[in-house]
Amino acid sequence: MERKKLFLAILAITLLVGVASAAVISYFGKVQMTATVKQAVLLDGKDYEQMPITEEVEVAGGEQFCSCHWLQSQTSVPVNLEFETSITYDGGITVEYYKYSELSLSAGDFNYRDPAVPYVKLFSLKYVDGCFVWTIDLNGSLISGHWSTGAQVLVVTPSKIFTLGISPGVGGNVYKEFVGGTWSEPMTPPEGMETVGEPNDEHFEIKIPVEYLCGGKWAINIEASWPEHSGSYWARYPTTWEGWYDFTNLADFPVEQITSPFTLAPGERLDFIICYKFAVNIKPGTYTITTTVKPVS
């Protein structure tokens, strides 16, 4: 009897072991990945948690105000975007968006000092990597015997009036500001402003980051001088510009309108301008105008 009980106990234990051995596993393995995701497109270097970017301005009816901003793609795929505009006023305010383009001029586009010698060979104004670059090439055969040459850009913005260039007899990267009704002595150029060329060269480049140009206009003076500036010849653009104290007859920076939707290429930076225009008969008041940059669904 005792032997029979022992046998049954052993059998029960064996069955229990067999049941445990027959259990199934719920998975064969795991892969766990932690992803840190960055925003595909930044506005002015900021992400959505740092929004909104706020601006304030005082204008009168009939005027306009422009502000400069930039988009930066951080992704390897094209991104389709659009601008959505919201205005707390029905009528009287229009908003347009622009991006920078380029300008090419020929010798005939300049005003030359008498005698009119059209010695500007090639001229271009291009937007390159966040900067505008003026490129000037002269036809030296038309100003044979000149002692010194140079080119200077005048820029007039709502906040500052300045000039940068290569001055005859002085050298490159000459920067001045118009303060208190007169021009300063040469100053250290702000960061990013550069020039290529020396007096008596026939090729010049002037580079200014767009952050110093927003809402501004420009003119350029190109000079070919003989000793002690006797008999100096100059070329000016625009032709209506009358010199260093004329801040009215200037040229706009070349732009083209952005229409939504538009595509930002992988890694592309797009500097753009928001232009607010206020009707002459707009009712006085404080209005909020919001531009939202959105991905296109």
C-alpha atoms as a PDB file:
ATOM      1  CA  MET A   1       0.000   0.000   0.000  1.00  0.00           C
ATOM      2  CA  GLU A   2       2.774   2.414   0.925  1.00  0.00           C
ATOM      3  CA  ARG A   3       4.632   1.448  -2.225  1.00  0.00           C
ATOM      4  CA  LYS A   4       1.503   2.234  -4.292  1.00  0.00           C
ATOM      5  CA  LYS A   5       1.184   5.681  -2.681  1.00  0.00           C
ATOM      6  CA  LEU A   6       4.843   6.411  -3.402  1.00  0.00           C
ATOM      7  CA  PHE A   7       4.362   5.448  -7.023  1.00  0.00           C
ATOM      8  CA  LEU A   8       1.369   7.763  -7.395  1.00  0.00           C
ATOM      9  CA  ALA A   9       3.291  10.651  -5.829  1.00  0.00           C
ATOM     10  CA  ILE A  10       6.188  10.129  -8.202  1.00  0.00           C
ATOM     11  CA  LEU A  11       3.754  10.010 -11.138  1.00  0.00           C
ATOM     12  CA  ALA A  12       2.094  13.273 -10.052  1.00  0.00           C
ATOM     13  CA  ILE A  13       5.439  15.027  -9.771  1.00  0.00           C
ATOM     14  CA  THR A  14       6.433  13.783 -13.185  1.00  0.00           C
ATOM     15  CA  LEU A  15       3.190  15.097 -14.744  1.00  0.00           C
ATOM     16  CA  LEU A  16       3.699  18.501 -13.115  1.00  0.00           C
ATOM     17  CA  VAL A  17       7.223  18.731 -14.543  1.00  0.00           C
ATOM     18  CA  GLY A  18       5.843  17.784 -17.900  1.00  0.00           C
ATOM     19  CA  VAL A  19       3.211  20.524 -17.777  1.00  0.00           C
ATOM     20  CA  ALA A  20       5.845  23.170 -16.859  1.00  0.00           C
ATOM     21  CA  SER A  21       8.074  22.066 -19.713  1.00  0.00           C
ATOM     22  CA  ALA A  22       5.208  22.458 -22.185  1.00  0.00           C
ATOM     23  CA  ALA A  23       4.604  26.216 -21.483  1.00  0.00           C
ATOM     24  CA  VAL A  24       5.016  28.584 -24.547  1.00  0.00           C
ATOM     25  CA  ILE A  25       7.125  31.830 -24.724  1.00  0.00           C
ATOM     26  CA  SER A  26       5.374  35.072 -25.629  1.00  0.00           C
ATOM     27  CA  TYR A  27       8.173  36.562 -27.793  1.00  0.00           C
ATOM     28  CA  PHE A  28      11.549  35.630 -29.240  1.00  0.00           C
ATOM     29  CA  GLY A  29      13.315  38.946 -28.659  1.00  0.00           C
ATOM     30  CA  LYS A  30      13.017  42.728 -28.420  1.00  0.00           C
ATOM     31  CA  VAL A  31      14.489  45.800 -30.172  1.00  0.00           C
ATOM     32  CA  GLN A  32      14.132  49.030 -28.256  1.00  0.00           C
ATOM     33  CA  MET A  33      15.135  52.305 -29.955  1.00  0.00           C
ATOM     34  CA  THR A  34      15.045  55.823 -28.539  1.00  0.00           C
ATOM     35  CA  ALA A  35      14.552  58.510 -31.216  1.00  0.00           C
ATOM     36  CA  THR A  36      15.295  62.179 -30.637  1.00  0.00           C
ATOM     37  CA  VAL A  37      13.435  64.001 -33.406  1.00  0.00           C
ATOM     38  CA  LYS A  38      14.200  67.567 -34.453  1.00  0.00           C
ATOM     39  CA  GLN A  39      11.724  69.857 -36.153  1.00  0.00           C
ATOM     40  CA  ALA A  40      11.951  69.632 -39.955  1.00  0.00           C
ATOM     41  CA  VAL A  41      11.859  73.405 -40.553  1.00  0.00           C
ATOM     42  CA  LEU A  42      12.857  76.260 -38.240  1.00  0.00           C
ATOM     43  CA  LEU A  43      11.610  79.858 -38.426  1.00  0.00           C
ATOM     44  CA  ASP A  44      14.342  82.374 -37.561  1.00  0.00           C
ATOM     45  CA  GLY A  45      16.228  79.459 -35.981  1.00  0.00           C
ATOM     46  CA  LYS A  46      13.389  78.770 -33.516  1.00  0.00           C
ATOM     47  CA  ASP A  47      11.005  75.814 -33.160  1.00  0.00           C
ATOM     48  CA  TYR A  48       7.266  75.802 -32.471  1.00  0.00           C
ATOM     49  CA  GLU A  49       7.721  75.911 -28.682  1.00  0.00           C
ATOM     50  CA  GLN A  50       9.504  79.272 -29.006  1.00  0.00           C
ATOM     51  CA  MET A  51       6.670  80.884 -30.959  1.00  0.00           C
ATOM     52  CA  PRO A  52       5.296  83.382 -31.624  1.00  0.00           C
ATOM     53  CA  ILE A  53       7.940  85.834 -32.766  1.00  0.00           C
ATOM     54  CA  THR A  54       6.525  89.278 -31.948  1.00  0.00           C
ATOM     55  CA  GLU A  55       7.104  92.626 -33.652  1.00  0.00           C
ATOM     56  CA  GLU A  56       5.679  96.102 -33.071  1.00  0.00           C
ATOM     57  CA  VAL A  57       5.627  99.096 -35.388  1.00  0.00           C
ATOM     58  CA  GLU A  58       3.947 102.488 -35.644  1.00  0.00           C
ATOM     59  CA  VAL A  59       2.870 103.539 -39.128  1.00  0.00           C
ATOM     60  CA  ALA A  60       0.379 105.935 -40.691  1.00  0.00           C
ATOM     61  CA  GLY A  61      -2.267 105.072 -43.239  1.00  0.00           C
ATOM     62  CA  GLY A  62      -0.810 104.797 -46.722  1.00  0.00           C
ATOM     63  CA  GLU A  63       2.534 103.506 -45.504  1.00  0.00           C
ATOM     64  CA  GLN A  64       4.045 100.041 -45.527  1.00  0.00           C
ATOM     65  CA  PHE A  65       6.355  98.103 -43.249  1.00  0.00           C
ATOM     66  CA  CYS A  66       8.574  95.164 -44.140  1.00  0.00           C
ATOM     67  CA  SER A  67      10.215  92.655 -41.815  1.00  0.00           C
ATOM     68  CA  CYS A  68      12.844  90.060 -42.683  1.00  0.00           C
ATOM     69  CA  HIS A  69      12.766  86.423 -41.564  1.00  0.00           C
ATOM     70  CA  TRP A  70      14.207  83.094 -42.640  1.00  0.00           C
ATOM     71  CA  LEU A  71      13.275  79.447 -42.882  1.00  0.00           C
ATOM     72  CA  GLN A  72      15.847  76.685 -42.484  1.00  0.00           C
ATOM     73  CA  SER A  73      15.248  73.101 -43.524  1.00  0.00           C
ATOM     74  CA  GLN A  74      16.800  70.504 -41.194  1.00  0.00           C
ATOM     75  CA  THR A  75      15.591  67.488 -43.118  1.00  0.00           C
ATOM     76  CA  SER A  76      16.840  65.480 -46.101  1.00  0.00           C
ATOM     77  CA  VAL A  77      13.503  65.528 -47.936  1.00  0.00           C
ATOM     78  CA  PRO A  78      11.634  68.373 -49.696  1.00  0.00           C
ATOM     79  CA  VAL A  79       9.038  70.124 -47.516  1.00  0.00           C
ATOM     80  CA  ASN A  80       5.906  71.724 -48.957  1.00  0.00           C
ATOM     81  CA  LEU A  81       4.942  74.845 -47.015  1.00  0.00           C
ATOM     82  CA  GLU A  82       2.386  77.631 -47.086  1.00  0.00           C
ATOM     83  CA  PHE A  83       1.833  80.994 -45.407  1.00  0.00           C
ATOM     84  CA  GLU A  84      -1.444  81.471 -43.558  1.00  0.00           C
ATOM     85  CA  THR A  85      -2.300  85.101 -42.777  1.00  0.00           C
ATOM     86  CA  SER A  86      -4.712  86.196 -40.055  1.00  0.00           C
ATOM     87  CA  ILE A  87      -5.670  89.865 -39.547  1.00  0.00           C
ATOM     88  CA  THR A  88      -7.836  91.290 -36.760  1.00  0.00           C
ATOM     89  CA  TYR A  89      -9.358  93.777 -39.168  1.00  0.00           C
ATOM     90  CA  ASP A  90     -11.565  93.391 -42.209  1.00  0.00           C
ATOM     91  CA  GLY A  91     -10.055  95.457 -44.998  1.00  0.00           C
ATOM     92  CA  GLY A  92      -7.385  98.139 -45.177  1.00  0.00           C
ATOM     93  CA  ILE A  93      -4.402  95.835 -44.561  1.00  0.00           C
ATOM     94  CA  THR A  94      -2.735  93.606 -47.128  1.00  0.00           C
ATOM     95  CA  VAL A  95       0.165  91.219 -46.563  1.00  0.00           C
ATOM     96  CA  GLU A  96       2.540  89.930 -49.238  1.00  0.00           C
ATOM     97  CA  TYR A  97       5.598  87.677 -49.081  1.00  0.00           C
ATOM     98  CA  TYR A  98       8.786  88.041 -51.088  1.00  0.00           C
ATOM     99  CA  LYS A  99      12.124  86.308 -51.538  1.00  0.00           C
ATOM    100  CA  TYR A 100      15.335  87.858 -52.814  1.00  0.00           C
ATOM    101  CA  SER A 101      16.325  87.531 -56.459  1.00  0.00           C
ATOM    102  CA  GLU A 102      19.082  89.068 -58.601  1.00  0.00           C
ATOM    103  CA  LEU A 103      19.744  92.036 -60.850  1.00  0.00           C
ATOM    104  CA  SER A 104      22.021  92.327 -63.885  1.00  0.00           C
ATOM    105  CA  LEU A 105      22.893  95.665 -65.459  1.00  0.00           C
ATOM    106  CA  SER A 106      24.732  96.695 -68.593  1.00  0.00           C
ATOM    107  CA  ALA A 107      26.936  99.718 -69.268  1.00  0.00           C
ATOM    108  CA  GLY A 108      23.941 101.683 -70.512  1.00  0.00           C
ATOM    109  CA  ASP A 109      22.128 101.446 -67.180  1.00  0.00           C
ATOM    110  CA  PHE A 110      24.534 103.855 -65.444  1.00  0.00           C
ATOM    111  CA  ASN A 111      24.788 107.641 -65.359  1.00  0.00           C
ATOM    112  CA  TYR A 112      28.323 108.707 -66.311  1.00  0.00           C
ATOM    113  CA  ARG A 113      30.052 111.968 -65.551  1.00  0.00           C
ATOM    114  CA  ASP A 114      30.909 114.029 -68.639  1.00  0.00           C
ATOM    115  CA  PRO A 115      32.530 113.022 -70.809  1.00  0.00           C
ATOM    116  CA  ALA A 116      30.199 110.020 -70.755  1.00  0.00           C
ATOM    117  CA  VAL A 117      32.559 107.060 -70.944  1.00  0.00           C
ATOM    118  CA  PRO A 118      30.573 103.816 -70.388  1.00  0.00           C
ATOM    119  CA  TYR A 119      33.384 101.966 -68.683  1.00  0.00           C
ATOM    120  CA  VAL A 120      31.205  99.628 -66.564  1.00  0.00           C
ATOM    121  CA  LYS A 121      31.620  96.292 -68.334  1.00  0.00           C
ATOM    122  CA  LEU A 122      29.508  93.936 -66.193  1.00  0.00           C
ATOM    123  CA  PHE A 123      27.403  94.432 -63.087  1.00  0.00           C
ATOM    124  CA  SER A 124      25.325  92.027 -61.018  1.00  0.00           C
ATOM    125  CA  LEU A 125      23.583  92.006 -57.655  1.00  0.00           C
ATOM    126  CA  LYS A 126      22.922  88.503 -56.364  1.00  0.00           C
ATOM    127  CA  TYR A 127      21.625  86.918 -53.188  1.00  0.00           C
ATOM    128  CA  VAL A 128      24.083  84.249 -52.040  1.00  0.00           C
ATOM    129  CA  ASP A 129      23.914  82.332 -48.728  1.00  0.00           C
ATOM    130  CA  GLY A 130      22.210  85.019 -46.692  1.00  0.00           C
ATOM    131  CA  CYS A 131      24.083  87.931 -48.274  1.00  0.00           C
ATOM    132  CA  PHE A 132      23.750  90.315 -51.180  1.00  0.00           C
ATOM    133  CA  VAL A 133      26.866  90.479 -53.350  1.00  0.00           C
ATOM    134  CA  TRP A 134      27.529  93.346 -55.750  1.00  0.00           C
ATOM    135  CA  THR A 135      29.966  92.339 -58.525  1.00  0.00           C
ATOM    136  CA  ILE A 136      31.487  95.051 -60.728  1.00  0.00           C
ATOM    137  CA  ASP A 137      33.817  94.626 -63.713  1.00  0.00           C
ATOM    138  CA  LEU A 138      35.292  97.651 -65.505  1.00  0.00           C
ATOM    139  CA  ASN A 139      36.509  98.032 -69.068  1.00  0.00           C
ATOM    140  CA  GLY A 140      40.017  99.330 -68.462  1.00  0.00           C
ATOM    141  CA  SER A 141      40.602 100.171 -72.123  1.00  0.00           C
ATOM    142  CA  LEU A 142      37.976 102.918 -71.891  1.00  0.00           C
ATOM    143  CA  ILE A 143      39.646 104.608 -68.898  1.00  0.00           C
ATOM    144  CA  SER A 144      43.246 104.181 -69.984  1.00  0.00           C
ATOM    145  CA  GLY A 145      45.711 106.028 -67.781  1.00  0.00           C
ATOM    146  CA  HIS A 146      43.507 106.133 -64.700  1.00  0.00           C
ATOM    147  CA  TRP A 147      45.389 106.290 -61.423  1.00  0.00           C
ATOM    148  CA  SER A 148      42.844 104.749 -59.081  1.00  0.00           C
ATOM    149  CA  THR A 149      39.457 103.095 -59.198  1.00  0.00           C
ATOM    150  CA  GLY A 150      36.867 102.077 -56.637  1.00  0.00           C
ATOM    151  CA  ALA A 151      33.240 101.236 -55.931  1.00  0.00           C
ATOM    152  CA  GLN A 152      31.062 102.077 -52.948  1.00  0.00           C
ATOM    153  CA  VAL A 153      27.528 101.017 -52.087  1.00  0.00           C
ATOM    154  CA  LEU A 154      25.204 103.364 -50.202  1.00  0.00           C
ATOM    155  CA  VAL A 155      22.490 101.663 -48.117  1.00  0.00           C
ATOM    156  CA  VAL A 156      19.585 103.499 -46.486  1.00  0.00           C
ATOM    157  CA  THR A 157      17.443 101.502 -44.033  1.00  0.00           C
ATOM    158  CA  PRO A 158      14.856 102.662 -41.479  1.00  0.00           C
ATOM    159  CA  SER A 159      17.446 102.283 -38.720  1.00  0.00           C
ATOM    160  CA  LYS A 160      20.775 103.184 -40.323  1.00  0.00           C
ATOM    161  CA  ILE A 161      22.474 104.864 -43.290  1.00  0.00           C
ATOM    162  CA  PHE A 162      25.879 103.496 -44.234  1.00  0.00           C
ATOM    163  CA  THR A 163      28.337 102.988 -47.060  1.00  0.00           C
ATOM    164  CA  LEU A 164      30.771 100.147 -47.781  1.00  0.00           C
ATOM    165  CA  GLY A 165      33.274  99.749 -50.549  1.00  0.00           C
ATOM    166  CA  ILE A 166      36.716 100.202 -52.055  1.00  0.00           C
ATOM    167  CA  SER A 167      37.609 103.884 -52.114  1.00  0.00           C
ATOM    168  CA  PRO A 168      40.114 105.260 -54.633  1.00  0.00           C
ATOM    169  CA  GLY A 169      43.469 105.862 -53.002  1.00  0.00           C
ATOM    170  CA  VAL A 170      42.342 104.384 -49.675  1.00  0.00           C
ATOM    171  CA  GLY A 171      41.896 100.649 -50.086  1.00  0.00           C
ATOM    172  CA  GLY A 172      39.275  98.011 -49.498  1.00  0.00           C
ATOM    173  CA  ASN A 173      36.564  97.494 -46.911  1.00  0.00           C
ATOM    174  CA  VAL A 174      35.961 101.161 -46.143  1.00  0.00           C
ATOM    175  CA  TYR A 175      32.831 101.446 -43.979  1.00  0.00           C
ATOM    176  CA  LYS A 176      31.181 104.699 -42.834  1.00  0.00           C
ATOM    177  CA  GLU A 177      27.899 105.659 -41.173  1.00  0.00           C
ATOM    178  CA  PHE A 178      25.830 108.812 -41.604  1.00  0.00           C
ATOM    179  CA  VAL A 179      25.310 110.158 -38.086  1.00  0.00           C
ATOM    180  CA  GLY A 180      24.124 113.579 -36.945  1.00  0.00           C
ATOM    181  CA  GLY A 181      23.933 114.983 -40.464  1.00  0.00           C
ATOM    182  CA  THR A 182      27.451 114.058 -41.546  1.00  0.00           C
ATOM    183  CA  TRP A 183      29.544 111.060 -42.559  1.00  0.00           C
ATOM    184  CA  SER A 184      31.777 109.421 -39.961  1.00  0.00           C
ATOM    185  CA  GLU A 185      35.425 108.599 -40.349  1.00  0.00           C
ATOM    186  CA  PRO A 186      36.101 105.025 -41.570  1.00  0.00           C
ATOM    187  CA  MET A 187      34.898 102.475 -39.002  1.00  0.00           C
ATOM    188  CA  THR A 188      35.324  98.742 -38.465  1.00  0.00           C
ATOM    189  CA  PRO A 189      32.713  97.080 -40.704  1.00  0.00           C
ATOM    190  CA  PRO A 190      30.010  95.052 -38.933  1.00  0.00           C
ATOM    191  CA  GLU A 191      30.442  91.289 -38.944  1.00  0.00           C
ATOM    192  CA  GLY A 192      29.939  89.696 -42.341  1.00  0.00           C
ATOM    193  CA  MET A 193      30.545  92.803 -44.452  1.00  0.00           C
ATOM    194  CA  GLU A 194      33.385  92.164 -46.899  1.00  0.00           C
ATOM    195  CA  THR A 195      34.954  93.570 -50.056  1.00  0.00           C
ATOM    196  CA  VAL A 196      37.170  92.175 -52.801  1.00  0.00           C
ATOM    197  CA  GLY A 197      39.485  94.459 -54.742  1.00  0.00           C
ATOM    198  CA  GLU A 198      41.999  97.249 -54.269  1.00  0.00           C
ATOM    199  CA  PRO A 199      42.325 100.744 -55.771  1.00  0.00           C
ATOM    200  CA  ASN A 200      43.123 100.576 -59.488  1.00  0.00           C
ATOM    201  CA  ASP A 201      41.655  97.085 -59.902  1.00  0.00           C
ATOM    202  CA  GLU A 202      39.029  96.427 -62.536  1.00  0.00           C
ATOM    203  CA  HIS A 203      37.083  93.785 -60.595  1.00  0.00           C
ATOM    204  CA  PHE A 204      35.285  94.473 -57.318  1.00  0.00           C
ATOM    205  CA  GLU A 205      32.907  92.615 -55.029  1.00  0.00           C
ATOM    206  CA  ILE A 206      30.946  94.049 -52.108  1.00  0.00           C
ATOM    207  CA  LYS A 207      29.195  91.644 -49.720  1.00  0.00           C
ATOM    208  CA  ILE A 208      26.603  92.628 -47.094  1.00  0.00           C
ATOM    209  CA  PRO A 209      24.439  90.208 -45.046  1.00  0.00           C
ATOM    210  CA  VAL A 210      20.692  90.738 -45.542  1.00  0.00           C
ATOM    211  CA  GLU A 211      20.213  91.423 -41.825  1.00  0.00           C
ATOM    212  CA  TYR A 212      21.688  94.898 -42.454  1.00  0.00           C
ATOM    213  CA  LEU A 213      19.490  95.551 -45.503  1.00  0.00           C
ATOM    214  CA  CYS A 214      15.928  94.831 -44.419  1.00  0.00           C
ATOM    215  CA  GLY A 215      13.487  97.532 -45.488  1.00  0.00           C
ATOM    216  CA  GLY A 216      16.294  99.408 -47.186  1.00  0.00           C
ATOM    217  CA  LYS A 217      17.262 100.838 -50.562  1.00  0.00           C
ATOM    218  CA  TRP A 218      20.644 101.228 -52.208  1.00  0.00           C
ATOM    219  CA  ALA A 219      22.756 103.078 -54.749  1.00  0.00           C
ATOM    220  CA  ILE A 220      26.263 102.538 -56.081  1.00  0.00           C
ATOM    221  CA  ASN A 221      29.080 104.869 -57.088  1.00  0.00           C
ATOM    222  CA  ILE A 222      31.957 103.657 -59.285  1.00  0.00           C
ATOM    223  CA  GLU A 223      34.920 105.950 -59.763  1.00  0.00           C
ATOM    224  CA  ALA A 224      37.999 106.143 -61.951  1.00  0.00           C
ATOM    225  CA  SER A 225      40.405 108.874 -60.882  1.00  0.00           C
ATOM    226  CA  TRP A 226      43.561 110.490 -62.139  1.00  0.00           C
ATOM    227  CA  PRO A 227      46.297 111.772 -59.757  1.00  0.00           C
ATOM    228  CA  GLU A 228      44.857 113.763 -56.848  1.00  0.00           C
ATOM    229  CA  HIS A 229      41.388 112.936 -58.192  1.00  0.00           C
ATOM    230  CA  SER A 230      41.787 115.386 -61.057  1.00  0.00           C
ATOM    231  CA  GLY A 231      39.431 114.641 -63.910  1.00  0.00           C
ATOM    232  CA  SER A 232      37.711 111.842 -62.012  1.00  0.00           C
ATOM    233  CA  TYR A 233      35.149 109.852 -63.934  1.00  0.00           C
ATOM    234  CA  TRP A 234      32.279 108.232 -62.104  1.00  0.00           C
ATOM    235  CA  ALA A 235      29.365 105.953 -62.897  1.00  0.00           C
ATOM    236  CA  ARG A 236      26.192 105.935 -60.774  1.00  0.00           C
ATOM    237  CA  TYR A 237      23.179 103.711 -60.388  1.00  0.00           C
ATOM    238  CA  PRO A 238      20.328 104.494 -60.301  1.00  0.00           C
ATOM    239  CA  THR A 239      20.729 107.307 -62.793  1.00  0.00           C
ATOM    240  CA  THR A 240      18.494 109.570 -60.657  1.00  0.00           C
ATOM    241  CA  TRP A 241      20.821 109.343 -57.664  1.00  0.00           C
ATOM    242  CA  GLU A 242      22.551 112.670 -57.038  1.00  0.00           C
ATOM    243  CA  GLY A 243      25.259 111.742 -54.557  1.00  0.00           C
ATOM    244  CA  TRP A 244      26.132 110.951 -50.974  1.00  0.00           C
ATOM    245  CA  TYR A 245      23.521 113.223 -49.366  1.00  0.00           C
ATOM    246  CA  ASP A 246      20.669 112.074 -51.615  1.00  0.00           C
ATOM    247  CA  PHE A 247      18.806 109.411 -49.639  1.00  0.00           C
ATOM    248  CA  THR A 248      15.658 109.488 -51.779  1.00  0.00           C
ATOM    249  CA  ASN A 249      16.568 108.524 -55.347  1.00  0.00           C
ATOM    250  CA  LEU A 250      17.638 104.985 -54.542  1.00  0.00           C
ATOM    251  CA  ALA A 251      16.944 101.498 -55.876  1.00  0.00           C
ATOM    252  CA  ASP A 252      14.947  98.672 -54.305  1.00  0.00           C
ATOM    253  CA  PHE A 253      16.595  95.352 -53.614  1.00  0.00           C
ATOM    254  CA  PRO A 254      15.564  92.772 -56.236  1.00  0.00           C
ATOM    255  CA  VAL A 255      12.795  90.488 -54.981  1.00  0.00           C
ATOM    256  CA  GLU A 256      10.103  88.200 -56.359  1.00  0.00           C
ATOM    257  CA  GLN A 257       6.788  87.397 -54.763  1.00  0.00           C
ATOM    258  CA  ILE A 258       6.293  84.067 -52.993  1.00  0.00           C
ATOM    259  CA  THR A 259       3.013  82.350 -53.706  1.00  0.00           C
ATOM    260  CA  SER A 260       1.763  79.517 -51.516  1.00  0.00           C
ATOM    261  CA  PRO A 261       2.315  76.643 -51.524  1.00  0.00           C
ATOM    262  CA  PHE A 262       6.066  76.554 -52.063  1.00  0.00           C
ATOM    263  CA  THR A 263       8.774  73.936 -51.568  1.00  0.00           C
ATOM    264  CA  LEU A 264      11.830  74.132 -49.346  1.00  0.00           C
ATOM    265  CA  ALA A 265      14.604  71.882 -50.679  1.00  0.00           C
ATOM    266  CA  PRO A 266      16.573  69.593 -48.331  1.00  0.00           C
ATOM    267  CA  GLY A 267      18.826  71.744 -46.152  1.00  0.00           C
ATOM    268  CA  GLU A 268      17.723  74.957 -47.889  1.00  0.00           C
ATOM    269  CA  ARG A 269      17.676  78.326 -46.155  1.00  0.00           C
ATOM    270  CA  LEU A 270      15.074  80.761 -47.457  1.00  0.00           C
ATOM    271  CA  ASP A 271      15.326  84.398 -46.413  1.00  0.00           C
ATOM    272  CA  PHE A 272      11.966  86.054 -46.977  1.00  0.00           C
ATOM    273  CA  ILE A 273      10.243  89.393 -46.441  1.00  0.00           C
ATOM    274  CA  ILE A 274       6.785  90.008 -45.005  1.00  0.00           C
ATOM    275  CA  CYS A 275       5.429  93.260 -46.415  1.00  0.00           C
ATOM    276  CA  TYR A 276       2.479  94.893 -44.626  1.00  0.00           C
ATOM    277  CA  LYS A 277       0.614  97.601 -46.546  1.00  0.00           C
ATOM    278  CA  PHE A 278      -1.878  99.936 -44.849  1.00  0.00           C
ATOM    279  CA  ALA A 279      -4.604 101.751 -46.759  1.00  0.00           C
ATOM    280  CA  VAL A 280      -4.664 105.553 -46.709  1.00  0.00           C
ATOM    281  CA  ASN A 281      -8.175 105.550 -45.240  1.00  0.00           C
ATOM    282  CA  ILE A 282      -7.599 102.859 -42.608  1.00  0.00           C
ATOM    283  CA  LYS A 283      -9.283 103.523 -39.265  1.00  0.00           C
ATOM    284  CA  PRO A 284      -6.776 104.376 -36.502  1.00  0.00           C
ATOM    285  CA  GLY A 285      -6.237 101.560 -34.056  1.00  0.00           C
ATOM    286  CA  THR A 286      -3.990  98.696 -33.028  1.00  0.00           C
ATOM    287  CA  TYR A 287      -4.229  95.580 -35.168  1.00  0.00           C
ATOM    288  CA  THR A 288      -2.679  92.132 -34.874  1.00  0.00           C
ATOM    289  CA  ILE A 289      -1.432  90.483 -38.058  1.00  0.00           C
ATOM    290  CA  THR A 290      -0.279  86.876 -37.735  1.00  0.00           C
ATOM    291  CA  THR A 291       1.648  84.851 -40.286  1.00  0.00           C
ATOM    292  CA  THR A 292       1.741  81.095 -39.684  1.00  0.00           C
ATOM    293  CA  VAL A 293       4.166  78.897 -41.620  1.00  0.00           C
ATOM    294  CA  LYS A 294       2.422  75.552 -42.099  1.00  0.00           C
ATOM    295  CA  PRO A 295       3.254  72.223 -43.717  1.00  0.00           C
ATOM    296  CA  VAL A 296       0.964  71.456 -46.640  1.00  0.00           C
ATOM    297  CA  SER A 297      -1.103  68.353 -45.929  1.00  0.00           C
END
